[in-house]
Amino acid sequence: MDQDRVPLELARMWRIPLDSKLGRPAKLDVGTVVDAAVALADREGLAAATLPRVAESLGVTKMSLYRHVGSKDELLDLMRDSATGPVPDALAGTGPWRERMRMWATAHLDVLAAHPWLAHVQPSGPPNGPNGIDWFDAGLRALRLTGLDWGAKVGALMIVGGYVASAAQLAQSLAAGREGTGLDQAAAEREYGRAMARLVDPERYPDAAALFSGGLLEDTGDETGENDFRFGLELLLDGIAVAVAEAGDG
């Protein structure tokens, strides 16, 4: 690859060597800096992954990082691609599009569960790193056997990927709201339902009152979060199925 034609940020993202001079190996490289930042974010949250904290964890000065990472925004891009990792082996190959998209979305959710801060890193543009492209390619491959055109495939991936990120954010917010209560999601929903059943006036809020008195929230179990995610995902896949059917294949 002609590195002179690759922007510096992309060269670092793809780990293209920028200096071929012989000599003592550098103490730092892009991978070392990014690994340290990801480790900080995993332990303490995204706010902890600042350039000064990364430098401190590596025993170097903040200024020494700028040879390998141009800015905090670039560091976030590098962290996102690194923490996302390559797609799991199960996503190799092709098959029924709905099954493959379901696997793609679930695997993506697993990544966000392993690195909760990832759900809060706003993308600065389309995927441009090796791992981001790996997931993008896997998503396109999941839709390969449909008759969707490229634009429709990209649109479907954006919608499903956005849903997965939103679901991860919601799960984290609900968990944060339960901190200190000793309740899991199912127990919290039961308490909520019982309280609302006492408070909601059926004359003013007839449908909401019917919901709370119907016992739905009493029946939630340990997998309520997973069930909610699957329900929403299937609704999205139903919409994609309409587009696939209209395209005449899949």
C-alpha atoms as a PDB file:
ATOM      1  CA  MET A   1       0.000   0.000   0.000  1.00  0.00           C
ATOM      2  CA  ASP A   2       1.221   3.496  -0.865  1.00  0.00           C
ATOM      3  CA  GLN A   3       1.268   5.074   2.584  1.00  0.00           C
ATOM      4  CA  ASP A   4       1.904   8.527   1.079  1.00  0.00           C
ATOM      5  CA  ARG A   5      -1.669   8.502  -0.200  1.00  0.00           C
ATOM      6  CA  VAL A   6      -3.230   7.409   3.098  1.00  0.00           C
ATOM      7  CA  PRO A   7      -4.251  10.135   5.570  1.00  0.00           C
ATOM      8  CA  LEU A   8      -2.222  10.008   8.767  1.00  0.00           C
ATOM      9  CA  GLU A   9      -5.243   9.135  10.907  1.00  0.00           C
ATOM     10  CA  LEU A  10      -6.122   6.175   8.696  1.00  0.00           C
ATOM     11  CA  ALA A  11      -2.523   5.005   8.595  1.00  0.00           C
ATOM     12  CA  ARG A  12      -2.563   4.858  12.385  1.00  0.00           C
ATOM     13  CA  MET A  13      -5.976   3.172  12.424  1.00  0.00           C
ATOM     14  CA  TRP A  14      -4.749   0.441  10.078  1.00  0.00           C
ATOM     15  CA  ARG A  15      -1.338   0.251  11.800  1.00  0.00           C
ATOM     16  CA  ILE A  16       0.587   1.140   8.651  1.00  0.00           C
ATOM     17  CA  PRO A  17       4.229   1.802   9.634  1.00  0.00           C
ATOM     18  CA  LEU A  18       5.033   5.487   9.281  1.00  0.00           C
ATOM     19  CA  ASP A  19       8.738   5.385  10.075  1.00  0.00           C
ATOM     20  CA  SER A  20      11.071   2.853   8.492  1.00  0.00           C
ATOM     21  CA  LYS A  21      14.270   4.237  10.021  1.00  0.00           C
ATOM     22  CA  LEU A  22      16.464   1.693  11.718  1.00  0.00           C
ATOM     23  CA  GLY A  23      17.309   2.086  15.349  1.00  0.00           C
ATOM     24  CA  ARG A  24      16.110   1.226  18.820  1.00  0.00           C
ATOM     25  CA  PRO A  25      12.416   0.220  18.862  1.00  0.00           C
ATOM     26  CA  ALA A  26      10.201   2.977  20.206  1.00  0.00           C
ATOM     27  CA  LYS A  27       8.813   2.539  23.698  1.00  0.00           C
ATOM     28  CA  LEU A  28       5.380   3.522  22.442  1.00  0.00           C
ATOM     29  CA  ASP A  29       3.325   2.692  19.406  1.00  0.00           C
ATOM     30  CA  VAL A  30      -0.311   3.250  18.454  1.00  0.00           C
ATOM     31  CA  GLY A  31      -1.409  -0.163  19.692  1.00  0.00           C
ATOM     32  CA  THR A  32       0.158   0.330  23.136  1.00  0.00           C
ATOM     33  CA  VAL A  33      -1.510   3.718  23.571  1.00  0.00           C
ATOM     34  CA  VAL A  34      -4.906   2.447  22.434  1.00  0.00           C
ATOM     35  CA  ASP A  35      -4.724  -0.682  24.598  1.00  0.00           C
ATOM     36  CA  ALA A  36      -3.998   1.477  27.642  1.00  0.00           C
ATOM     37  CA  ALA A  37      -6.923   3.782  26.857  1.00  0.00           C
ATOM     38  CA  VAL A  38      -9.320   0.865  26.361  1.00  0.00           C
ATOM     39  CA  ALA A  39      -8.192  -0.678  29.649  1.00  0.00           C
ATOM     40  CA  LEU A  40      -8.893   2.604  31.465  1.00  0.00           C
ATOM     41  CA  ALA A  41     -12.342   2.916  29.895  1.00  0.00           C
ATOM     42  CA  ASP A  42     -13.176  -0.695  30.768  1.00  0.00           C
ATOM     43  CA  ARG A  43     -12.151  -0.193  34.409  1.00  0.00           C
ATOM     44  CA  GLU A  44     -13.388   3.316  35.110  1.00  0.00           C
ATOM     45  CA  GLY A  45     -15.628   4.429  32.257  1.00  0.00           C
ATOM     46  CA  LEU A  46     -15.081   6.509  29.168  1.00  0.00           C
ATOM     47  CA  ALA A  47     -14.422   9.733  31.079  1.00  0.00           C
ATOM     48  CA  ALA A  48     -11.278   8.172  32.563  1.00  0.00           C
ATOM     49  CA  ALA A  49      -9.659   7.608  29.152  1.00  0.00           C
ATOM     50  CA  THR A  50      -8.093  11.048  28.866  1.00  0.00           C
ATOM     51  CA  LEU A  51      -4.703  11.656  27.309  1.00  0.00           C
ATOM     52  CA  PRO A  52      -3.147  12.643  30.675  1.00  0.00           C
ATOM     53  CA  ARG A  53      -4.482   9.474  32.336  1.00  0.00           C
ATOM     54  CA  VAL A  54      -3.312   7.302  29.444  1.00  0.00           C
ATOM     55  CA  ALA A  55       0.135   8.902  29.619  1.00  0.00           C
ATOM     56  CA  GLU A  56       0.252   8.372  33.390  1.00  0.00           C
ATOM     57  CA  SER A  57      -0.692   4.703  33.042  1.00  0.00           C
ATOM     58  CA  LEU A  58       2.135   4.214  30.543  1.00  0.00           C
ATOM     59  CA  GLY A  59       4.687   6.191  32.552  1.00  0.00           C
ATOM     60  CA  VAL A  60       5.232   8.783  29.814  1.00  0.00           C
ATOM     61  CA  THR A  61       4.418  12.434  29.260  1.00  0.00           C
ATOM     62  CA  LYS A  62       1.209  13.552  27.588  1.00  0.00           C
ATOM     63  CA  MET A  63       3.186  15.227  24.797  1.00  0.00           C
ATOM     64  CA  SER A  64       4.862  11.947  23.912  1.00  0.00           C
ATOM     65  CA  LEU A  65       1.460  10.506  22.977  1.00  0.00           C
ATOM     66  CA  TYR A  66       0.907  12.978  20.155  1.00  0.00           C
ATOM     67  CA  ARG A  67       3.369  11.180  17.922  1.00  0.00           C
ATOM     68  CA  HIS A  68       0.999   8.218  17.969  1.00  0.00           C
ATOM     69  CA  VAL A  69      -2.423   9.809  18.524  1.00  0.00           C
ATOM     70  CA  GLY A  70      -3.203  13.228  17.098  1.00  0.00           C
ATOM     71  CA  SER A  71      -6.099  14.223  19.366  1.00  0.00           C
ATOM     72  CA  LYS A  72      -8.669  12.996  21.882  1.00  0.00           C
ATOM     73  CA  ASP A  73     -11.171  12.555  19.053  1.00  0.00           C
ATOM     74  CA  GLU A  74      -8.742  10.391  17.130  1.00  0.00           C
ATOM     75  CA  LEU A  75      -8.066   8.382  20.276  1.00  0.00           C
ATOM     76  CA  LEU A  76     -11.791   7.705  20.627  1.00  0.00           C
ATOM     77  CA  ASP A  77     -11.961   6.495  17.025  1.00  0.00           C
ATOM     78  CA  LEU A  78      -8.999   4.201  17.625  1.00  0.00           C
ATOM     79  CA  MET A  79     -10.473   2.936  20.883  1.00  0.00           C
ATOM     80  CA  ARG A  80     -13.831   2.183  19.290  1.00  0.00           C
ATOM     81  CA  ASP A  81     -12.304   0.154  16.486  1.00  0.00           C
ATOM     82  CA  SER A  82      -9.957  -1.702  18.810  1.00  0.00           C
ATOM     83  CA  ALA A  83     -12.567  -2.562  21.448  1.00  0.00           C
ATOM     84  CA  THR A  84     -15.112  -3.614  18.831  1.00  0.00           C
ATOM     85  CA  GLY A  85     -12.718  -6.325  17.709  1.00  0.00           C
ATOM     86  CA  PRO A  86     -13.167  -8.631  14.711  1.00  0.00           C
ATOM     87  CA  VAL A  87     -16.463 -10.378  14.089  1.00  0.00           C
ATOM     88  CA  PRO A  88     -16.906 -13.822  15.666  1.00  0.00           C
ATOM     89  CA  ASP A  89     -16.316 -16.869  13.504  1.00  0.00           C
ATOM     90  CA  ALA A  90     -20.037 -17.666  13.589  1.00  0.00           C
ATOM     91  CA  LEU A  91     -20.655 -14.728  11.264  1.00  0.00           C
ATOM     92  CA  ALA A  92     -18.491 -16.165   8.496  1.00  0.00           C
ATOM     93  CA  GLY A  93     -20.220 -17.436   5.381  1.00  0.00           C
ATOM     94  CA  THR A  94     -23.737 -16.796   4.159  1.00  0.00           C
ATOM     95  CA  GLY A  95     -27.198 -18.141   4.836  1.00  0.00           C
ATOM     96  CA  PRO A  96     -30.800 -17.053   5.366  1.00  0.00           C
ATOM     97  CA  TRP A  97     -30.640 -13.284   5.728  1.00  0.00           C
ATOM     98  CA  ARG A  98     -32.913 -12.994   8.756  1.00  0.00           C
ATOM     99  CA  GLU A  99     -30.971 -15.568  10.749  1.00  0.00           C
ATOM    100  CA  ARG A 100     -27.677 -13.901   9.803  1.00  0.00           C
ATOM    101  CA  MET A 101     -28.895 -10.419  10.701  1.00  0.00           C
ATOM    102  CA  ARG A 102     -30.192 -11.703  14.029  1.00  0.00           C
ATOM    103  CA  MET A 103     -26.766 -13.197  14.759  1.00  0.00           C
ATOM    104  CA  TRP A 104     -25.042  -9.982  13.657  1.00  0.00           C
ATOM    105  CA  ALA A 105     -27.172  -7.838  15.974  1.00  0.00           C
ATOM    106  CA  THR A 106     -26.813 -10.186  18.954  1.00  0.00           C
ATOM    107  CA  ALA A 107     -23.039 -10.405  18.534  1.00  0.00           C
ATOM    108  CA  HIS A 108     -22.883  -6.607  18.355  1.00  0.00           C
ATOM    109  CA  LEU A 109     -24.867  -6.369  21.606  1.00  0.00           C
ATOM    110  CA  ASP A 110     -22.418  -8.776  23.256  1.00  0.00           C
ATOM    111  CA  VAL A 111     -19.539  -6.456  22.337  1.00  0.00           C
ATOM    112  CA  LEU A 112     -21.333  -3.481  23.895  1.00  0.00           C
ATOM    113  CA  ALA A 113     -21.976  -5.508  27.041  1.00  0.00           C
ATOM    114  CA  ALA A 114     -18.269  -6.353  27.281  1.00  0.00           C
ATOM    115  CA  HIS A 115     -17.297  -2.680  26.830  1.00  0.00           C
ATOM    116  CA  PRO A 116     -20.255  -0.619  28.119  1.00  0.00           C
ATOM    117  CA  TRP A 117     -18.620   2.715  27.251  1.00  0.00           C
ATOM    118  CA  LEU A 118     -18.678   1.791  23.553  1.00  0.00           C
ATOM    119  CA  ALA A 119     -22.406   2.499  23.369  1.00  0.00           C
ATOM    120  CA  HIS A 120     -21.686   6.123  24.296  1.00  0.00           C
ATOM    121  CA  VAL A 121     -18.965   6.860  21.740  1.00  0.00           C
ATOM    122  CA  GLN A 122     -20.661   8.789  18.972  1.00  0.00           C
ATOM    123  CA  PRO A 123     -19.410   7.755  15.527  1.00  0.00           C
ATOM    124  CA  SER A 124     -17.510  10.509  13.724  1.00  0.00           C
ATOM    125  CA  GLY A 125     -18.348   9.010  10.335  1.00  0.00           C
ATOM    126  CA  PRO A 126     -18.799   5.702   8.544  1.00  0.00           C
ATOM    127  CA  PRO A 127     -16.658   2.727   9.625  1.00  0.00           C
ATOM    128  CA  ASN A 128     -13.048   3.246   8.577  1.00  0.00           C
ATOM    129  CA  GLY A 129     -10.959   0.892  10.695  1.00  0.00           C
ATOM    130  CA  PRO A 130     -10.148  -2.787  10.160  1.00  0.00           C
ATOM    131  CA  ASN A 131     -12.587  -4.038  12.799  1.00  0.00           C
ATOM    132  CA  GLY A 132     -15.328  -1.602  11.852  1.00  0.00           C
ATOM    133  CA  ILE A 133     -15.029  -2.673   8.224  1.00  0.00           C
ATOM    134  CA  ASP A 134     -15.036  -6.314   9.342  1.00  0.00           C
ATOM    135  CA  TRP A 135     -18.432  -5.829  11.022  1.00  0.00           C
ATOM    136  CA  PHE A 136     -19.702  -3.776   8.087  1.00  0.00           C
ATOM    137  CA  ASP A 137     -18.637  -6.505   5.673  1.00  0.00           C
ATOM    138  CA  ALA A 138     -20.304  -9.174   7.823  1.00  0.00           C
ATOM    139  CA  GLY A 139     -23.539  -7.201   7.848  1.00  0.00           C
ATOM    140  CA  LEU A 140     -23.470  -6.771   4.080  1.00  0.00           C
ATOM    141  CA  ARG A 141     -22.718 -10.459   3.710  1.00  0.00           C
ATOM    142  CA  ALA A 142     -25.748 -11.293   5.859  1.00  0.00           C
ATOM    143  CA  LEU A 143     -27.882  -9.529   3.243  1.00  0.00           C
ATOM    144  CA  ARG A 144     -25.985 -10.860   0.218  1.00  0.00           C
ATOM    145  CA  LEU A 145     -28.634 -13.371  -0.817  1.00  0.00           C
ATOM    146  CA  THR A 146     -31.404 -10.771  -0.827  1.00  0.00           C
ATOM    147  CA  GLY A 147     -32.331  -8.641  -3.805  1.00  0.00           C
ATOM    148  CA  LEU A 148     -31.688  -5.416  -1.885  1.00  0.00           C
ATOM    149  CA  ASP A 149     -29.483  -2.863  -3.616  1.00  0.00           C
ATOM    150  CA  TRP A 150     -26.404  -1.455  -1.885  1.00  0.00           C
ATOM    151  CA  GLY A 151     -28.214   1.581  -0.530  1.00  0.00           C
ATOM    152  CA  ALA A 152     -30.950  -0.538   1.032  1.00  0.00           C
ATOM    153  CA  LYS A 153     -28.392  -2.882   2.581  1.00  0.00           C
ATOM    154  CA  VAL A 154     -26.467  -0.006   4.136  1.00  0.00           C
ATOM    155  CA  GLY A 155     -29.717   1.537   5.365  1.00  0.00           C
ATOM    156  CA  ALA A 156     -30.761  -1.742   6.981  1.00  0.00           C
ATOM    157  CA  LEU A 157     -27.425  -2.054   8.772  1.00  0.00           C
ATOM    158  CA  MET A 158     -27.655   1.526  10.038  1.00  0.00           C
ATOM    159  CA  ILE A 159     -31.138   0.937  11.440  1.00  0.00           C
ATOM    160  CA  VAL A 160     -30.272  -2.359  13.121  1.00  0.00           C
ATOM    161  CA  GLY A 161     -26.931  -1.069  14.423  1.00  0.00           C
ATOM    162  CA  GLY A 162     -28.634   2.020  15.835  1.00  0.00           C
ATOM    163  CA  TYR A 163     -31.224  -0.135  17.564  1.00  0.00           C
ATOM    164  CA  VAL A 164     -28.534  -2.292  19.164  1.00  0.00           C
ATOM    165  CA  ALA A 165     -26.680   0.772  20.483  1.00  0.00           C
ATOM    166  CA  SER A 166     -29.925   2.268  21.812  1.00  0.00           C
ATOM    167  CA  ALA A 167     -30.855  -0.997  23.531  1.00  0.00           C
ATOM    168  CA  ALA A 168     -27.426  -1.161  25.187  1.00  0.00           C
ATOM    169  CA  GLN A 169     -27.723   2.437  26.390  1.00  0.00           C
ATOM    170  CA  LEU A 170     -31.198   1.792  27.805  1.00  0.00           C
ATOM    171  CA  ALA A 171     -30.049  -1.346  29.622  1.00  0.00           C
ATOM    172  CA  GLN A 172     -27.192   0.592  31.189  1.00  0.00           C
ATOM    173  CA  SER A 173     -29.483   3.456  32.238  1.00  0.00           C
ATOM    174  CA  LEU A 174     -31.970   1.071  33.838  1.00  0.00           C
ATOM    175  CA  ALA A 175     -29.167  -0.733  35.663  1.00  0.00           C
ATOM    176  CA  ALA A 176     -27.798   2.593  36.918  1.00  0.00           C
ATOM    177  CA  GLY A 177     -31.268   3.539  38.155  1.00  0.00           C
ATOM    178  CA  ARG A 178     -31.449   0.305  40.167  1.00  0.00           C
ATOM    179  CA  GLU A 179     -28.089   0.828  41.863  1.00  0.00           C
ATOM    180  CA  GLY A 180     -28.448   0.602  45.613  1.00  0.00           C
ATOM    181  CA  THR A 181     -31.925  -0.960  45.473  1.00  0.00           C
ATOM    182  CA  GLY A 182     -30.828  -4.581  45.359  1.00  0.00           C
ATOM    183  CA  LEU A 183     -33.386  -5.209  42.605  1.00  0.00           C
ATOM    184  CA  ASP A 184     -32.823  -6.830  39.246  1.00  0.00           C
ATOM    185  CA  GLN A 185     -34.797  -5.637  36.220  1.00  0.00           C
ATOM    186  CA  ALA A 186     -37.642  -8.128  36.701  1.00  0.00           C
ATOM    187  CA  ALA A 187     -38.099  -7.194  40.359  1.00  0.00           C
ATOM    188  CA  ALA A 188     -37.934  -3.487  39.565  1.00  0.00           C
ATOM    189  CA  GLU A 189     -40.619  -3.901  36.902  1.00  0.00           C
ATOM    190  CA  ARG A 190     -42.868  -5.765  39.345  1.00  0.00           C
ATOM    191  CA  GLU A 191     -42.523  -2.993  41.945  1.00  0.00           C
ATOM    192  CA  TYR A 192     -43.200  -0.385  39.290  1.00  0.00           C
ATOM    193  CA  GLY A 193     -46.310  -2.216  38.075  1.00  0.00           C
ATOM    194  CA  ARG A 194     -47.715  -2.575  41.596  1.00  0.00           C
ATOM    195  CA  ALA A 195     -47.132   1.084  42.396  1.00  0.00           C
ATOM    196  CA  MET A 196     -48.728   2.248  39.153  1.00  0.00           C
ATOM    197  CA  ALA A 197     -51.708  -0.071  39.661  1.00  0.00           C
ATOM    198  CA  ARG A 198     -52.406   1.785  42.914  1.00  0.00           C
ATOM    199  CA  LEU A 199     -51.846   5.262  41.518  1.00  0.00           C
ATOM    200  CA  VAL A 200     -53.227   5.277  37.977  1.00  0.00           C
ATOM    201  CA  ASP A 201     -56.869   6.318  37.758  1.00  0.00           C
ATOM    202  CA  PRO A 202     -58.692   4.083  35.230  1.00  0.00           C
ATOM    203  CA  GLU A 203     -61.116   6.852  34.368  1.00  0.00           C
ATOM    204  CA  ARG A 204     -58.340   9.259  33.383  1.00  0.00           C
ATOM    205  CA  TYR A 205     -55.864   6.689  32.008  1.00  0.00           C
ATOM    206  CA  PRO A 206     -58.038   3.724  30.983  1.00  0.00           C
ATOM    207  CA  ASP A 207     -55.559   1.849  28.804  1.00  0.00           C
ATOM    208  CA  ALA A 208     -52.574   2.397  31.086  1.00  0.00           C
ATOM    209  CA  ALA A 209     -54.663   1.289  34.057  1.00  0.00           C
ATOM    210  CA  ALA A 210     -55.705  -1.848  32.182  1.00  0.00           C
ATOM    211  CA  LEU A 211     -52.052  -2.625  31.501  1.00  0.00           C
ATOM    212  CA  PHE A 212     -50.983  -2.212  35.121  1.00  0.00           C
ATOM    213  CA  SER A 213     -53.902  -4.216  36.467  1.00  0.00           C
ATOM    214  CA  GLY A 214     -53.478  -6.987  33.917  1.00  0.00           C
ATOM    215  CA  GLY A 215     -50.502  -8.622  35.597  1.00  0.00           C
ATOM    216  CA  LEU A 216     -48.088  -8.296  32.668  1.00  0.00           C
ATOM    217  CA  LEU A 217     -45.325  -6.840  34.815  1.00  0.00           C
ATOM    218  CA  GLU A 218     -45.864  -9.536  37.442  1.00  0.00           C
ATOM    219  CA  ASP A 219     -44.907 -12.169  34.898  1.00  0.00           C
ATOM    220  CA  THR A 220     -41.523 -10.754  33.896  1.00  0.00           C
ATOM    221  CA  GLY A 221     -38.665 -13.138  34.512  1.00  0.00           C
ATOM    222  CA  ASP A 222     -34.895 -13.187  34.607  1.00  0.00           C
ATOM    223  CA  GLU A 223     -34.698 -12.832  30.830  1.00  0.00           C
ATOM    224  CA  THR A 224     -36.978  -9.809  30.550  1.00  0.00           C
ATOM    225  CA  GLY A 225     -34.222  -7.595  29.126  1.00  0.00           C
ATOM    226  CA  GLU A 226     -33.249 -10.186  26.541  1.00  0.00           C
ATOM    227  CA  ASN A 227     -36.881 -10.716  25.596  1.00  0.00           C
ATOM    228  CA  ASP A 228     -37.421  -6.987  25.133  1.00  0.00           C
ATOM    229  CA  PHE A 229     -34.346  -6.797  22.894  1.00  0.00           C
ATOM    230  CA  ARG A 230     -35.469  -9.736  20.770  1.00  0.00           C
ATOM    231  CA  PHE A 231     -38.983  -8.333  20.414  1.00  0.00           C
ATOM    232  CA  GLY A 232     -37.711  -4.989  19.117  1.00  0.00           C
ATOM    233  CA  LEU A 233     -35.188  -6.658  16.842  1.00  0.00           C
ATOM    234  CA  GLU A 234     -37.847  -8.885  15.274  1.00  0.00           C
ATOM    235  CA  LEU A 235     -39.994  -5.828  14.564  1.00  0.00           C
ATOM    236  CA  LEU A 236     -37.088  -4.268  12.695  1.00  0.00           C
ATOM    237  CA  LEU A 237     -36.412  -7.478  10.798  1.00  0.00           C
ATOM    238  CA  ASP A 238     -40.098  -7.611   9.838  1.00  0.00           C
ATOM    239  CA  GLY A 239     -39.656  -4.197   8.229  1.00  0.00           C
ATOM    240  CA  ILE A 240     -36.537  -5.312   6.374  1.00  0.00           C
ATOM    241  CA  ALA A 241     -38.437  -8.419   5.256  1.00  0.00           C
ATOM    242  CA  VAL A 242     -40.968  -6.170   3.500  1.00  0.00           C
ATOM    243  CA  ALA A 243     -38.145  -4.452   1.602  1.00  0.00           C
ATOM    244  CA  VAL A 244     -36.594  -7.823   0.746  1.00  0.00           C
ATOM    245  CA  ALA A 245     -39.914  -9.112  -0.553  1.00  0.00           C
ATOM    246  CA  GLU A 246     -40.415  -6.000  -2.662  1.00  0.00           C
ATOM    247  CA  ALA A 247     -36.920  -6.475  -4.102  1.00  0.00           C
ATOM    248  CA  GLY A 248     -38.068  -9.888  -5.326  1.00  0.00           C
ATOM    249  CA  ASP A 249     -35.572 -12.155  -3.586  1.00  0.00           C
ATOM    250  CA  GLY A 250     -34.546 -13.546  -0.183  1.00  0.00           C
END
